[in-house]
PDB file of N, CA and C in Angstrom:
ATOM      1  N   UNK A   1       2.290  15.420 -11.307  1.00  0.00           N
ATOM      2  CA  UNK A   1       3.067  15.433 -13.187  1.00  0.00           C
ATOM      3  C   UNK A   1       3.698  14.450 -13.521  1.00  0.00           C
ATOM      4  N   UNK A   2       3.667  13.966 -14.436  1.00  0.00           N
ATOM      5  CA  UNK A   2       4.081  12.794 -14.932  1.00  0.00           C
ATOM      6  C   UNK A   2       4.910  13.161 -16.316  1.00  0.00           C
ATOM      7  N   UNK A   3       4.090  13.929 -16.745  1.00  0.00           N
ATOM      8  CA  UNK A   3       4.829  14.422 -18.519  1.00  0.00           C
ATOM      9  C   UNK A   3       4.592  15.885 -18.566  1.00  0.00           C
ATOM     10  N   UNK A   4       5.196  16.568 -19.294  1.00  0.00           N
ATOM     11  CA  UNK A   4       4.949  17.877 -20.098  1.00  0.00           C
ATOM     12  C   UNK A   4       4.816  17.723 -21.619  1.00  0.00           C
ATOM     13  N   UNK A   5       3.989  17.712 -22.763  1.00  0.00           N
ATOM     14  CA  UNK A   5       4.344  17.738 -23.941  1.00  0.00           C
ATOM     15  C   UNK A   5       4.189  19.190 -24.066  1.00  0.00           C
ATOM     16  N   UNK A   6       5.005  19.745 -25.368  1.00  0.00           N
ATOM     17  CA  UNK A   6       5.045  20.855 -26.018  1.00  0.00           C
ATOM     18  C   UNK A   6       3.937  20.808 -27.214  1.00  0.00           C
ATOM     19  N   UNK A   7       3.351  22.100 -27.175  1.00  0.00           N
ATOM     20  CA  UNK A   7       2.057  21.966 -28.179  1.00  0.00           C
ATOM     21  C   UNK A   7       2.935  22.802 -29.735  1.00  0.00           C
ATOM     22  N   UNK A   8       1.962  23.077 -30.012  1.00  0.00           N
ATOM     23  CA  UNK A   8       2.895  23.310 -31.642  1.00  0.00           C
ATOM     24  C   UNK A   8       2.562  25.209 -31.797  1.00  0.00           C
ATOM     25  N   UNK A   9       1.052  25.053 -31.620  1.00  0.00           N
ATOM     26  CA  UNK A   9       0.517  26.758 -31.618  1.00  0.00           C
ATOM     27  C   UNK A   9       0.644  27.611 -30.672  1.00  0.00           C
ATOM     28  N   UNK A  10       1.459  28.875 -31.290  1.00  0.00           N
ATOM     29  CA  UNK A  10       2.127  29.554 -29.984  1.00  0.00           C
ATOM     30  C   UNK A  10       0.934  30.727 -29.479  1.00  0.00           C
ATOM     31  N   UNK A  11      -0.684  30.832 -29.705  1.00  0.00           N
ATOM     32  CA  UNK A  11      -1.535  30.676 -29.190  1.00  0.00           C
ATOM     33  C   UNK A  11      -1.944  30.252 -27.650  1.00  0.00           C
ATOM     34  N   UNK A  12      -1.652  29.111 -27.639  1.00  0.00           N
ATOM     35  CA  UNK A  12      -2.051  28.496 -26.733  1.00  0.00           C
ATOM     36  C   UNK A  12      -1.130  27.572 -26.019  1.00  0.00           C
ATOM     37  N   UNK A  13       0.438  28.753 -26.250  1.00  0.00           N
ATOM     38  CA  UNK A  13       0.808  28.033 -25.561  1.00  0.00           C
ATOM     39  C   UNK A  13       0.934  28.221 -23.852  1.00  0.00           C
ATOM     40  N   UNK A  14       0.320  28.988 -23.453  1.00  0.00           N
ATOM     41  CA  UNK A  14       0.370  28.744 -21.849  1.00  0.00           C
ATOM     42  C   UNK A  14      -1.465  28.329 -21.426  1.00  0.00           C
ATOM     43  N   UNK A  15      -1.319  27.460 -22.149  1.00  0.00           N
ATOM     44  CA  UNK A  15      -2.818  26.743 -21.587  1.00  0.00           C
ATOM     45  C   UNK A  15      -2.369  24.938 -21.966  1.00  0.00           C
ATOM     46  N   UNK A  16      -2.862  24.494 -20.899  1.00  0.00           N
ATOM     47  CA  UNK A  16      -2.839  23.445 -20.676  1.00  0.00           C
ATOM     48  C   UNK A  16      -3.758  22.279 -20.179  1.00  0.00           C
ATOM     49  N   UNK A  17      -3.823  21.280 -20.997  1.00  0.00           N
ATOM     50  CA  UNK A  17      -4.691  20.457 -20.929  1.00  0.00           C
ATOM     51  C   UNK A  17      -4.536  19.431 -21.024  1.00  0.00           C
ATOM     52  N   UNK A  18      -4.939  18.571 -19.633  1.00  0.00           N
ATOM     53  CA  UNK A  18      -4.674  17.605 -18.344  1.00  0.00           C
ATOM     54  C   UNK A  18      -5.180  16.108 -18.935  1.00  0.00           C
ATOM     55  N   UNK A  19      -4.316  15.330 -18.647  1.00  0.00           N
ATOM     56  CA  UNK A  19      -5.089  13.984 -18.550  1.00  0.00           C
ATOM     57  C   UNK A  19      -4.655  12.860 -17.759  1.00  0.00           C
ATOM     58  N   UNK A  20      -5.169  12.550 -17.199  1.00  0.00           N
ATOM     59  CA  UNK A  20      -5.201  11.863 -15.892  1.00  0.00           C
ATOM     60  C   UNK A  20      -5.756  10.629 -15.840  1.00  0.00           C
ATOM     61  N   UNK A  21      -5.382   9.842 -14.327  1.00  0.00           N
ATOM     62  CA  UNK A  21      -5.744   8.513 -13.953  1.00  0.00           C
ATOM     63  C   UNK A  21      -5.147   8.045 -12.802  1.00  0.00           C
ATOM     64  N   UNK A  22      -6.135   7.646 -11.852  1.00  0.00           N
ATOM     65  CA  UNK A  22      -5.459   6.878 -10.885  1.00  0.00           C
ATOM     66  C   UNK A  22      -5.009   5.921 -11.207  1.00  0.00           C
ATOM     67  N   UNK A  23      -3.376   5.260 -10.405  1.00  0.00           N
ATOM     68  CA  UNK A  23      -3.043   4.643  -9.839  1.00  0.00           C
ATOM     69  C   UNK A  23      -3.482   3.161  -8.648  1.00  0.00           C
ATOM     70  N   UNK A  24      -4.426   3.344  -8.037  1.00  0.00           N
ATOM     71  CA  UNK A  24      -4.373   2.617  -6.951  1.00  0.00           C
ATOM     72  C   UNK A  24      -5.625   1.636  -7.232  1.00  0.00           C
ATOM     73  N   UNK A  25      -5.823   1.174  -6.409  1.00  0.00           N
ATOM     74  CA  UNK A  25      -7.233   0.705  -6.413  1.00  0.00           C
ATOM     75  C   UNK A  25      -7.419   0.202  -5.239  1.00  0.00           C
ATOM     76  N   UNK A  26      -8.793  -0.470  -5.035  1.00  0.00           N
ATOM     77  CA  UNK A  26      -9.164  -1.658  -3.543  1.00  0.00           C
ATOM     78  C   UNK A  26      -8.334  -2.302  -3.271  1.00  0.00           C
ATOM     79  N   UNK A  27      -7.333  -3.089  -3.657  1.00  0.00           N
ATOM     80  CA  UNK A  27      -6.458  -4.044  -3.556  1.00  0.00           C
ATOM     81  C   UNK A  27      -7.421  -5.564  -2.955  1.00  0.00           C
ATOM     82  N   UNK A  28      -7.817  -5.558  -1.393  1.00  0.00           N
ATOM     83  CA  UNK A  28      -8.368  -6.928  -1.018  1.00  0.00           C
ATOM     84  C   UNK A  28      -9.714  -6.460  -0.802  1.00  0.00           C
ATOM     85  N   UNK A  29     -11.089  -7.313  -0.865  1.00  0.00           N
ATOM     86  CA  UNK A  29     -12.140  -7.052  -0.301  1.00  0.00           C
ATOM     87  C   UNK A  29     -12.908  -8.258  -0.015  1.00  0.00           C
ATOM     88  N   UNK A  30     -13.785  -8.194   0.008  1.00  0.00           N
ATOM     89  CA  UNK A  30     -14.999  -9.218   0.312  1.00  0.00           C
ATOM     90  C   UNK A  30     -15.121  -9.715  -0.974  1.00  0.00           C
ATOM     91  N   UNK A  31     -14.637 -11.346  -0.621  1.00  0.00           N
ATOM     92  CA  UNK A  31     -14.443 -12.284  -1.600  1.00  0.00           C
ATOM     93  C   UNK A  31     -15.865 -12.449  -2.966  1.00  0.00           C
ATOM     94  N   UNK A  32     -15.731 -12.478  -3.960  1.00  0.00           N
ATOM     95  CA  UNK A  32     -16.289 -12.457  -4.846  1.00  0.00           C
ATOM     96  C   UNK A  32     -15.986 -13.903  -6.205  1.00  0.00           C
ATOM     97  N   UNK A  33     -16.820 -14.817  -5.655  1.00  0.00           N
ATOM     98  CA  UNK A  33     -16.429 -16.005  -6.310  1.00  0.00           C
ATOM     99  C   UNK A  33     -15.429 -16.575  -5.767  1.00  0.00           C
ATOM    100  N   UNK A  34     -15.143 -16.534  -4.296  1.00  0.00           N
ATOM    101  CA  UNK A  34     -14.055 -16.916  -3.540  1.00  0.00           C
ATOM    102  C   UNK A  34     -12.520 -16.353  -4.003  1.00  0.00           C
ATOM    103  N   UNK A  35     -12.800 -15.542  -4.667  1.00  0.00           N
ATOM    104  CA  UNK A  35     -11.244 -14.898  -4.870  1.00  0.00           C
ATOM    105  C   UNK A  35     -11.540 -13.285  -4.123  1.00  0.00           C
ATOM    106  N   UNK A  36     -11.207 -12.715  -3.011  1.00  0.00           N
ATOM    107  CA  UNK A  36     -10.846 -11.812  -2.516  1.00  0.00           C
ATOM    108  C   UNK A  36      -9.680 -10.643  -2.748  1.00  0.00           C
ATOM    109  N   UNK A  37      -9.269 -10.866  -3.986  1.00  0.00           N
ATOM    110  CA  UNK A  37      -8.553  -9.611  -4.526  1.00  0.00           C
ATOM    111  C   UNK A  37      -9.013  -9.358  -5.752  1.00  0.00           C
ATOM    112  N   UNK A  38      -9.002  -7.652  -5.177  1.00  0.00           N
ATOM    113  CA  UNK A  38      -9.525  -6.972  -6.245  1.00  0.00           C
ATOM    114  C   UNK A  38      -8.111  -6.794  -7.567  1.00  0.00           C
ATOM    115  N   UNK A  39      -8.387  -7.027  -8.370  1.00  0.00           N
ATOM    116  CA  UNK A  39      -7.142  -7.059  -9.685  1.00  0.00           C
ATOM    117  C   UNK A  39      -6.767  -5.806 -10.001  1.00  0.00           C
ATOM    118  N   UNK A  40      -8.200  -4.945 -10.490  1.00  0.00           N
ATOM    119  CA  UNK A  40      -8.179  -3.985 -11.239  1.00  0.00           C
ATOM    120  C   UNK A  40      -7.585  -2.973 -12.432  1.00  0.00           C
ATOM    121  N   UNK A  41      -7.627  -4.204 -12.732  1.00  0.00           N
ATOM    122  CA  UNK A  41      -7.828  -4.067 -14.237  1.00  0.00           C
ATOM    123  C   UNK A  41      -8.277  -3.289 -15.071  1.00  0.00           C
ATOM    124  N   UNK A  42      -9.883  -2.860 -14.946  1.00  0.00           N
ATOM    125  CA  UNK A  42     -10.586  -1.750 -15.471  1.00  0.00           C
ATOM    126  C   UNK A  42     -10.614  -0.899 -14.552  1.00  0.00           C
ATOM    127  N   UNK A  43     -10.091  -0.748 -13.116  1.00  0.00           N
ATOM    128  CA  UNK A  43     -10.006   0.375 -12.321  1.00  0.00           C
ATOM    129  C   UNK A  43      -8.915   0.423 -11.826  1.00  0.00           C
ATOM    130  N   UNK A  44      -8.142   1.014 -11.630  1.00  0.00           N
ATOM    131  CA  UNK A  44      -8.190   1.971 -13.151  1.00  0.00           C
ATOM    132  C   UNK A  44      -6.970   1.417 -14.026  1.00  0.00           C
ATOM    133  N   UNK A  45      -6.489   0.015 -13.884  1.00  0.00           N
ATOM    134  CA  UNK A  45      -5.480  -0.338 -14.871  1.00  0.00           C
ATOM    135  C   UNK A  45      -5.434   0.388 -16.537  1.00  0.00           C
ATOM    136  N   UNK A  46      -7.032   0.134 -17.031  1.00  0.00           N
ATOM    137  CA  UNK A  46      -7.158   0.536 -17.942  1.00  0.00           C
ATOM    138  C   UNK A  46      -7.185   2.346 -18.346  1.00  0.00           C
ATOM    139  N   UNK A  47      -7.378   3.359 -17.544  1.00  0.00           N
ATOM    140  CA  UNK A  47      -7.089   4.318 -17.584  1.00  0.00           C
ATOM    141  C   UNK A  47      -5.503   4.670 -17.259  1.00  0.00           C
ATOM    142  N   UNK A  48      -4.763   4.124 -16.561  1.00  0.00           N
ATOM    143  CA  UNK A  48      -3.271   3.895 -16.633  1.00  0.00           C
ATOM    144  C   UNK A  48      -2.522   3.737 -17.711  1.00  0.00           C
ATOM    145  N   UNK A  49      -3.164   3.042 -18.314  1.00  0.00           N
ATOM    146  CA  UNK A  49      -2.215   2.561 -19.480  1.00  0.00           C
ATOM    147  C   UNK A  49      -3.169   3.751 -21.028  1.00  0.00           C
ATOM    148  N   UNK A  50      -4.349   3.702 -20.972  1.00  0.00           N
ATOM    149  CA  UNK A  50      -4.480   4.595 -21.545  1.00  0.00           C
ATOM    150  C   UNK A  50      -3.772   6.222 -21.367  1.00  0.00           C
ATOM    151  N   UNK A  51      -3.811   6.980 -20.313  1.00  0.00           N
ATOM    152  CA  UNK A  51      -2.709   7.831 -20.183  1.00  0.00           C
ATOM    153  C   UNK A  51      -1.649   7.637 -20.428  1.00  0.00           C
ATOM    154  N   UNK A  52      -0.316   6.743 -20.487  1.00  0.00           N
ATOM    155  CA  UNK A  52       0.888   6.002 -20.917  1.00  0.00           C
ATOM    156  C   UNK A  52       0.889   6.471 -22.524  1.00  0.00           C
ATOM    157  N   UNK A  53      -0.373   5.700 -22.815  1.00  0.00           N
ATOM    158  CA  UNK A  53       0.017   5.320 -24.413  1.00  0.00           C
ATOM    159  C   UNK A  53      -0.338   6.401 -25.245  1.00  0.00           C
ATOM    160  N   UNK A  54      -1.247   7.591 -24.610  1.00  0.00           N
ATOM    161  CA  UNK A  54      -1.176   8.727 -25.258  1.00  0.00           C
ATOM    162  C   UNK A  54       0.116   9.417 -25.163  1.00  0.00           C
ATOM    163  N   UNK A  55       0.497   9.306 -23.955  1.00  0.00           N
ATOM    164  CA  UNK A  55       1.832  10.102 -23.681  1.00  0.00           C
ATOM    165  C   UNK A  55       2.727   9.421 -24.766  1.00  0.00           C
ATOM    166  N   UNK A  56       2.732   8.563 -24.751  1.00  0.00           N
ATOM    167  CA  UNK A  56       3.963   7.506 -26.037  1.00  0.00           C
ATOM    168  C   UNK A  56       3.457   8.784 -27.391  1.00  0.00           C
ATOM    169  N   UNK A  57       2.399   8.159 -27.732  1.00  0.00           N
ATOM    170  CA  UNK A  57       1.452   8.600 -29.445  1.00  0.00           C
ATOM    171  C   UNK A  57       2.162  10.044 -29.336  1.00  0.00           C
ATOM    172  N   UNK A  58       1.798  10.992 -28.566  1.00  0.00           N
ATOM    173  CA  UNK A  58       2.166  12.240 -28.820  1.00  0.00           C
ATOM    174  C   UNK A  58       4.239  12.758 -28.282  1.00  0.00           C
ATOM    175  N   UNK A  59       4.716  11.828 -27.764  1.00  0.00           N
ATOM    176  CA  UNK A  59       5.864  11.966 -28.044  1.00  0.00           C
ATOM    177  C   UNK A  59       6.022  11.917 -29.594  1.00  0.00           C
ATOM    178  N   UNK A  60       5.957  10.432 -29.817  1.00  0.00           N
ATOM    179  CA  UNK A  60       6.208  10.020 -30.922  1.00  0.00           C
ATOM    180  C   UNK A  60       5.694  11.037 -32.117  1.00  0.00           C
ATOM    181  N   UNK A  61       4.500  11.771 -31.868  1.00  0.00           N
ATOM    182  CA  UNK A  61       4.190  12.609 -32.853  1.00  0.00           C
ATOM    183  C   UNK A  61       3.766  14.235 -32.539  1.00  0.00           C
ATOM    184  N   UNK A  62       4.805  14.572 -32.141  1.00  0.00           N
ATOM    185  CA  UNK A  62       4.644  16.249 -31.606  1.00  0.00           C
ATOM    186  C   UNK A  62       3.694  16.889 -32.463  1.00  0.00           C
ATOM    187  N   UNK A  63       3.980  16.477 -33.666  1.00  0.00           N
ATOM    188  CA  UNK A  63       3.658  17.452 -34.990  1.00  0.00           C
ATOM    189  C   UNK A  63       1.444  17.631 -34.602  1.00  0.00           C
ATOM    190  N   UNK A  64       1.341  16.593 -33.758  1.00  0.00           N
ATOM    191  CA  UNK A  64      -0.663  16.496 -33.424  1.00  0.00           C
ATOM    192  C   UNK A  64      -0.770  17.496 -32.316  1.00  0.00           C
ATOM    193  N   UNK A  65       0.351  18.105 -31.676  1.00  0.00           N
ATOM    194  CA  UNK A  65      -0.448  18.654 -30.433  1.00  0.00           C
ATOM    195  C   UNK A  65      -0.225  20.157 -30.967  1.00  0.00           C
ATOM    196  N   UNK A  66      -1.049  20.803 -30.781  1.00  0.00           N
ATOM    197  CA  UNK A  66      -1.257  22.225 -30.319  1.00  0.00           C
ATOM    198  C   UNK A  66      -1.237  23.080 -29.861  1.00  0.00           C
ATOM    199  N   UNK A  67      -2.015  22.518 -28.954  1.00  0.00           N
ATOM    200  CA  UNK A  67      -2.041  23.064 -26.902  1.00  0.00           C
ATOM    201  C   UNK A  67      -0.828  22.210 -26.512  1.00  0.00           C
ATOM    202  N   UNK A  68      -0.531  22.865 -25.343  1.00  0.00           N
ATOM    203  CA  UNK A  68       0.061  21.870 -23.986  1.00  0.00           C
ATOM    204  C   UNK A  68      -0.299  20.948 -24.020  1.00  0.00           C
ATOM    205  N   UNK A  69      -0.049  20.060 -23.514  1.00  0.00           N
ATOM    206  CA  UNK A  69      -0.467  18.827 -22.726  1.00  0.00           C
ATOM    207  C   UNK A  69       0.089  17.916 -21.662  1.00  0.00           C
ATOM    208  N   UNK A  70      -0.405  17.594 -20.201  1.00  0.00           N
ATOM    209  CA  UNK A  70       0.061  17.188 -19.513  1.00  0.00           C
ATOM    210  C   UNK A  70      -0.650  16.209 -18.988  1.00  0.00           C
ATOM    211  N   UNK A  71       0.042  15.086 -18.775  1.00  0.00           N
ATOM    212  CA  UNK A  71      -0.217  13.728 -18.261  1.00  0.00           C
ATOM    213  C   UNK A  71       0.462  13.505 -16.572  1.00  0.00           C
ATOM    214  N   UNK A  72      -1.081  13.177 -16.149  1.00  0.00           N
ATOM    215  CA  UNK A  72      -1.058  12.976 -14.764  1.00  0.00           C
ATOM    216  C   UNK A  72      -0.912  11.830 -14.223  1.00  0.00           C
ATOM    217  N   UNK A  73      -0.359  11.049 -13.081  1.00  0.00           N
ATOM    218  CA  UNK A  73      -0.629  10.151 -12.832  1.00  0.00           C
ATOM    219  C   UNK A  73      -0.971  10.461 -11.162  1.00  0.00           C
ATOM    220  N   UNK A  74      -1.966   9.846 -10.390  1.00  0.00           N
ATOM    221  CA  UNK A  74      -2.585  10.454  -8.932  1.00  0.00           C
ATOM    222  C   UNK A  74      -3.047   9.098  -8.407  1.00  0.00           C
ATOM    223  N   UNK A  75      -2.886   9.019  -7.218  1.00  0.00           N
ATOM    224  CA  UNK A  75      -2.912   7.945  -5.912  1.00  0.00           C
ATOM    225  C   UNK A  75      -3.877   7.863  -5.276  1.00  0.00           C
ATOM    226  N   UNK A  76      -4.584   7.106  -4.450  1.00  0.00           N
ATOM    227  CA  UNK A  76      -4.792   7.501  -3.237  1.00  0.00           C
ATOM    228  C   UNK A  76      -6.773   7.810  -3.420  1.00  0.00           C
ATOM    229  N   UNK A  77      -6.802   7.432  -4.700  1.00  0.00           N
ATOM    230  CA  UNK A  77      -8.114   7.936  -5.054  1.00  0.00           C
ATOM    231  C   UNK A  77      -8.945   6.963  -4.617  1.00  0.00           C
ATOM    232  N   UNK A  78      -8.786   5.858  -4.155  1.00  0.00           N
ATOM    233  CA  UNK A  78      -9.705   5.093  -3.304  1.00  0.00           C
ATOM    234  C   UNK A  78      -9.998   5.298  -2.045  1.00  0.00           C
ATOM    235  N   UNK A  79      -8.919   6.060  -1.742  1.00  0.00           N
ATOM    236  CA  UNK A  79      -9.450   6.369   0.054  1.00  0.00           C
ATOM    237  C   UNK A  79      -9.683   7.991   0.604  1.00  0.00           C
ATOM    238  N   UNK A  80     -10.339   8.847  -0.848  1.00  0.00           N
ATOM    239  CA  UNK A  80     -10.951   9.852  -0.635  1.00  0.00           C
ATOM    240  C   UNK A  80     -10.513  10.997  -1.985  1.00  0.00           C
ATOM    241  N   UNK A  81      -9.701  10.322  -3.055  1.00  0.00           N
ATOM    242  CA  UNK A  81      -9.425  11.593  -3.935  1.00  0.00           C
ATOM    243  C   UNK A  81      -8.114  12.053  -3.752  1.00  0.00           C
ATOM    244  N   UNK A  82      -7.221  11.871  -2.772  1.00  0.00           N
ATOM    245  CA  UNK A  82      -6.257  11.941  -2.119  1.00  0.00           C
ATOM    246  C   UNK A  82      -5.248  12.988  -3.207  1.00  0.00           C
ATOM    247  N   UNK A  83      -5.226  11.927  -3.907  1.00  0.00           N
ATOM    248  CA  UNK A  83      -4.163  12.726  -4.644  1.00  0.00           C
ATOM    249  C   UNK A  83      -4.699  13.817  -5.747  1.00  0.00           C
ATOM    250  N   UNK A  84      -5.722  13.032  -6.333  1.00  0.00           N
ATOM    251  CA  UNK A  84      -6.471  14.285  -7.321  1.00  0.00           C
ATOM    252  C   UNK A  84      -6.380  16.019  -6.625  1.00  0.00           C
ATOM    253  N   UNK A  85      -6.542  15.738  -5.113  1.00  0.00           N
ATOM    254  CA  UNK A  85      -7.076  16.909  -4.031  1.00  0.00           C
ATOM    255  C   UNK A  85      -5.888  17.609  -3.951  1.00  0.00           C
ATOM    256  N   UNK A  86      -4.573  17.034  -3.985  1.00  0.00           N
ATOM    257  CA  UNK A  86      -3.180  17.182  -3.738  1.00  0.00           C
ATOM    258  C   UNK A  86      -2.752  18.163  -5.106  1.00  0.00           C
ATOM    259  N   UNK A  87      -2.975  17.475  -6.004  1.00  0.00           N
ATOM    260  CA  UNK A  87      -2.789  18.089  -7.728  1.00  0.00           C
ATOM    261  C   UNK A  87      -3.244  19.619  -7.526  1.00  0.00           C
ATOM    262  N   UNK A  88      -4.593  19.389  -7.511  1.00  0.00           N
ATOM    263  CA  UNK A  88      -5.701  20.637  -7.447  1.00  0.00           C
ATOM    264  C   UNK A  88      -5.462  21.781  -6.595  1.00  0.00           C
ATOM    265  N   UNK A  89      -4.637  21.077  -5.229  1.00  0.00           N
ATOM    266  CA  UNK A  89      -4.131  22.290  -4.168  1.00  0.00           C
ATOM    267  C   UNK A  89      -2.707  22.831  -4.897  1.00  0.00           C
ATOM    268  N   UNK A  90      -1.977  22.087  -5.275  1.00  0.00           N
ATOM    269  CA  UNK A  90      -0.430  22.167  -5.434  1.00  0.00           C
ATOM    270  C   UNK A  90      -0.124  21.550  -6.744  1.00  0.00           C
ATOM    271  N   UNK A  91      -0.884  22.793  -8.061  1.00  0.00           N
ATOM    272  CA  UNK A  91      -0.580  22.175  -9.299  1.00  0.00           C
ATOM    273  C   UNK A  91       0.641  22.447  -9.904  1.00  0.00           C
ATOM    274  N   UNK A  92       1.583  21.498 -10.498  1.00  0.00           N
ATOM    275  CA  UNK A  92       3.091  21.746 -10.951  1.00  0.00           C
ATOM    276  C   UNK A  92       2.998  22.915 -11.986  1.00  0.00           C
ATOM    277  N   UNK A  93       1.933  23.149 -12.303  1.00  0.00           N
ATOM    278  CA  UNK A  93       2.175  24.492 -13.844  1.00  0.00           C
ATOM    279  C   UNK A  93       1.017  25.505 -13.143  1.00  0.00           C
ATOM    280  N   UNK A  94       1.260  26.404 -13.928  1.00  0.00           N
ATOM    281  CA  UNK A  94       0.024  27.337 -13.053  1.00  0.00           C
ATOM    282  C   UNK A  94      -1.001  27.067 -13.194  1.00  0.00           C
ATOM    283  N   UNK A  95      -1.937  27.062 -11.545  1.00  0.00           N
ATOM    284  CA  UNK A  95      -3.193  26.811 -11.567  1.00  0.00           C
ATOM    285  C   UNK A  95      -3.916  27.551 -13.037  1.00  0.00           C
ATOM    286  N   UNK A  96      -3.997  28.694 -12.926  1.00  0.00           N
ATOM    287  CA  UNK A  96      -4.491  29.273 -13.972  1.00  0.00           C
ATOM    288  C   UNK A  96      -4.716  28.736 -15.487  1.00  0.00           C
ATOM    289  N   UNK A  97      -3.284  28.218 -15.801  1.00  0.00           N
ATOM    290  CA  UNK A  97      -3.237  27.825 -17.207  1.00  0.00           C
ATOM    291  C   UNK A  97      -3.544  26.281 -17.506  1.00  0.00           C
ATOM    292  N   UNK A  98      -4.346  25.748 -16.558  1.00  0.00           N
ATOM    293  CA  UNK A  98      -5.239  24.496 -16.549  1.00  0.00           C
ATOM    294  C   UNK A  98      -6.362  24.744 -17.066  1.00  0.00           C
ATOM    295  N   UNK A  99      -6.363  24.736 -18.224  1.00  0.00           N
ATOM    296  CA  UNK A  99      -8.220  24.639 -18.924  1.00  0.00           C
ATOM    297  C   UNK A  99      -8.774  23.662 -18.895  1.00  0.00           C
ATOM    298  N   UNK A 100      -8.359  22.521 -19.098  1.00  0.00           N
ATOM    299  CA  UNK A 100      -9.117  21.079 -18.512  1.00  0.00           C
ATOM    300  C   UNK A 100      -8.269  19.959 -17.961  1.00  0.00           C
ATOM    301  N   UNK A 101      -8.682  19.089 -17.007  1.00  0.00           N
ATOM    302  CA  UNK A 101      -8.469  17.968 -16.753  1.00  0.00           C
ATOM    303  C   UNK A 101      -9.440  17.078 -17.390  1.00  0.00           C
ATOM    304  N   UNK A 102      -8.904  15.841 -17.896  1.00  0.00           N
ATOM    305  CA  UNK A 102      -9.523  14.837 -18.425  1.00  0.00           C
ATOM    306  C   UNK A 102      -9.263  13.544 -17.675  1.00  0.00           C
ATOM    307  N   UNK A 103     -10.078  13.576 -16.939  1.00  0.00           N
ATOM    308  CA  UNK A 103      -9.278  12.131 -16.236  1.00  0.00           C
ATOM    309  C   UNK A 103     -10.463  10.575 -16.406  1.00  0.00           C
ATOM    310  N   UNK A 104      -9.550   9.877 -16.557  1.00  0.00           N
ATOM    311  CA  UNK A 104      -9.980   8.499 -17.333  1.00  0.00           C
ATOM    312  C   UNK A 104      -9.889   7.621 -15.696  1.00  0.00           C
ATOM    313  N   UNK A 105     -10.966   7.157 -15.434  1.00  0.00           N
ATOM    314  CA  UNK A 105     -11.479   6.463 -14.628  1.00  0.00           C
ATOM    315  C   UNK A 105     -12.344   5.491 -14.917  1.00  0.00           C
ATOM    316  N   UNK A 106     -11.913   4.084 -14.962  1.00  0.00           N
ATOM    317  CA  UNK A 106     -12.427   2.480 -16.003  1.00  0.00           C
ATOM    318  C   UNK A 106     -12.952   2.688 -17.208  1.00  0.00           C
ATOM    319  N   UNK A 107     -11.527   2.900 -18.017  1.00  0.00           N
ATOM    320  CA  UNK A 107     -11.961   3.303 -19.238  1.00  0.00           C
ATOM    321  C   UNK A 107     -12.602   1.852 -19.786  1.00  0.00           C
ATOM    322  N   UNK A 108     -13.789   1.772 -19.773  1.00  0.00           N
ATOM    323  CA  UNK A 108     -14.195   0.212 -20.571  1.00  0.00           C
ATOM    324  C   UNK A 108     -14.291   0.004 -22.383  1.00  0.00           C
ATOM    325  N   UNK A 109     -13.498  -0.481 -22.718  1.00  0.00           N
ATOM    326  CA  UNK A 109     -13.645  -0.664 -24.284  1.00  0.00           C
ATOM    327  C   UNK A 109     -14.499  -1.417 -24.971  1.00  0.00           C
ATOM    328  N   UNK A 110     -15.545  -0.622 -24.749  1.00  0.00           N
ATOM    329  CA  UNK A 110     -16.978  -1.947 -25.615  1.00  0.00           C
ATOM    330  C   UNK A 110     -17.166  -1.443 -26.869  1.00  0.00           C
ATOM    331  N   UNK A 111     -17.092  -3.064 -27.532  1.00  0.00           N
ATOM    332  CA  UNK A 111     -17.072  -3.260 -28.777  1.00  0.00           C
ATOM    333  C   UNK A 111     -18.342  -3.613 -29.443  1.00  0.00           C
ATOM    334  N   UNK A 112     -19.033  -3.244 -30.499  1.00  0.00           N
ATOM    335  CA  UNK A 112     -20.034  -3.839 -30.764  1.00  0.00           C
ATOM    336  C   UNK A 112     -20.654  -5.133 -31.667  1.00  0.00           C
TER     337      UNK A 112
END
């Protein structure tokens, strides 16, 4: 778990909504147009950036939070979801208090 942000609603004080993303990427693979480095800007640099931006925004404006929010970064997603599996088996808060985990993978901002 990277951060825990307290919510303002006492009825929701024991519930966590987790926002997560993975920080790893494939790295190097078969060349595409002569380039064998897979930079990972979308998978999952974009999701990691979104999680960090959300955490910064909620820390700056805690009045917007009603329930507890947790943000998490996991690794080894490309190796078989190892970080996510570890977090599920060893949560850093009581497992039954996690009501949702919104995992952002390859956030693609599509403009009209």
